[in-house]
């Protein structure tokens, strides 16, 4: 029945770890109210850059590829239950290898 699904919460414990040239692995804590996660990337996190929704996944980890070597990126993850979107995680910043 409608109205019984949990609302998506803010995604917690986002980490970003380089795993190879141009690749950063994101991990976060599963949110019980989310069935899908949207991954946002900011290419100028220190300069008030813009957040772009780039990927969607049902998993609680994701490898972002084809990043520019040596560039600092910001990442955020937000959950959705298909109807409502939760607040994005606190940003995680990481420099690409």
Protein backbone atom coordinates (compact mmCIF):
# COMPACT_ATOMS: atom_id res chain seq x y z
CA UNK A 1 0.00 0.00 0.00
CA UNK A 2 1.07 3.54 -0.69
CA UNK A 3 2.57 5.58 2.09
CA UNK A 4 4.26 2.67 3.86
CA UNK A 5 7.63 2.97 2.17
CA UNK A 6 10.42 4.57 4.12
CA UNK A 7 11.58 8.01 3.09
CA UNK A 8 15.17 8.13 1.83
CA UNK A 9 17.55 9.48 4.44
CA UNK A 10 20.79 11.38 4.00
CA UNK A 11 23.52 9.04 2.79
CA UNK A 12 26.18 8.47 5.47
CA UNK A 13 29.84 7.46 5.56
CA UNK A 14 30.75 8.27 1.95
CA UNK A 15 34.39 7.49 1.22
CA UNK A 16 36.38 7.99 -1.99
CA UNK A 17 39.55 5.95 -2.57
CA UNK A 18 41.79 5.92 -5.67
CA UNK A 19 41.97 2.38 -7.09
CA UNK A 20 43.97 2.98 -10.26
CA UNK A 21 44.77 5.62 -12.88
CA UNK A 22 41.67 7.76 -13.39
CA UNK A 23 39.58 5.50 -11.13
CA UNK A 24 38.08 6.31 -7.74
CA UNK A 25 35.98 3.86 -5.74
CA UNK A 26 33.10 5.31 -3.76
CA UNK A 27 31.50 3.46 -0.85
CA UNK A 28 28.70 4.46 1.49
CA UNK A 29 26.37 3.07 4.10
CA UNK A 30 23.17 1.42 2.86
CA UNK A 31 20.09 3.59 3.39
CA UNK A 32 16.97 1.55 4.28
CA UNK A 33 14.67 4.04 2.53
CA UNK A 34 16.58 4.11 -0.78
CA UNK A 35 16.31 1.68 -3.68
CA UNK A 36 18.59 3.64 -6.02
CA UNK A 37 21.55 5.93 -5.47
CA UNK A 38 22.51 8.90 -7.61
CA UNK A 39 26.19 9.83 -7.80
CA UNK A 40 27.06 13.49 -8.27
CA UNK A 41 30.49 14.76 -9.27
CA UNK A 42 31.98 18.23 -8.80
CA UNK A 43 35.06 18.98 -10.89
CA UNK A 44 36.00 22.12 -8.92
CA UNK A 45 35.05 21.29 -5.33
CA UNK A 46 37.24 23.98 -3.77
CA UNK A 47 35.97 26.69 -6.12
CA UNK A 48 32.24 26.30 -5.57
CA UNK A 49 31.91 24.17 -8.68
CA UNK A 50 28.67 22.72 -9.93
CA UNK A 51 27.34 19.30 -8.90
CA UNK A 52 26.41 17.09 -11.87
CA UNK A 53 24.41 13.90 -11.53
CA UNK A 54 26.47 11.39 -13.52
CA UNK A 55 25.61 7.86 -12.46
CA UNK A 56 22.90 5.78 -10.83
CA UNK A 57 23.37 2.46 -9.06
CA UNK A 58 21.53 0.05 -6.77
CA UNK A 59 24.81 -0.92 -5.06
CA UNK A 60 26.52 0.72 -2.07
CA UNK A 61 29.80 1.07 -3.94
CA UNK A 62 30.69 2.38 -7.36
CA UNK A 63 33.91 2.90 -9.32
CA UNK A 64 34.04 6.19 -11.20
CA UNK A 65 36.32 5.86 -14.23
CA UNK A 66 37.92 8.05 -16.90
CA UNK A 67 38.85 10.80 -14.47
CA UNK A 68 41.63 13.26 -15.27
CA UNK A 69 44.91 12.26 -13.59
CA UNK A 70 45.91 14.57 -10.75
CA UNK A 71 42.59 16.39 -10.67
CA UNK A 72 40.72 16.91 -7.40
CA UNK A 73 37.09 15.80 -7.54
CA UNK A 74 34.19 16.11 -5.15
CA UNK A 75 31.61 13.33 -4.86
CA UNK A 76 28.15 13.17 -3.32
CA UNK A 77 25.60 10.36 -3.21
CA UNK A 78 21.84 10.79 -2.77
CA UNK A 79 19.28 8.03 -2.33
CA UNK A 80 15.81 7.77 -3.84
CA UNK A 81 12.89 5.40 -3.40
CA UNK A 82 11.54 6.21 -6.86
CA UNK A 83 9.18 8.93 -5.63
CA UNK A 84 11.19 10.95 -3.13
CA UNK A 85 14.84 11.91 -3.06
CA UNK A 86 16.88 12.04 0.12
CA UNK A 87 19.46 14.68 0.95
CA UNK A 88 22.88 14.14 -0.60
CA UNK A 89 25.73 12.88 1.54
CA UNK A 90 28.37 15.19 2.86
CA UNK A 91 30.90 15.63 0.03
CA UNK A 92 33.98 13.42 -0.18
CA UNK A 93 36.97 14.86 -2.02
CA UNK A 94 39.70 12.85 -3.65
CA UNK A 95 42.46 13.47 -6.17
CA UNK A 96 42.58 11.12 -9.14
CA UNK A 97 45.79 9.15 -9.74
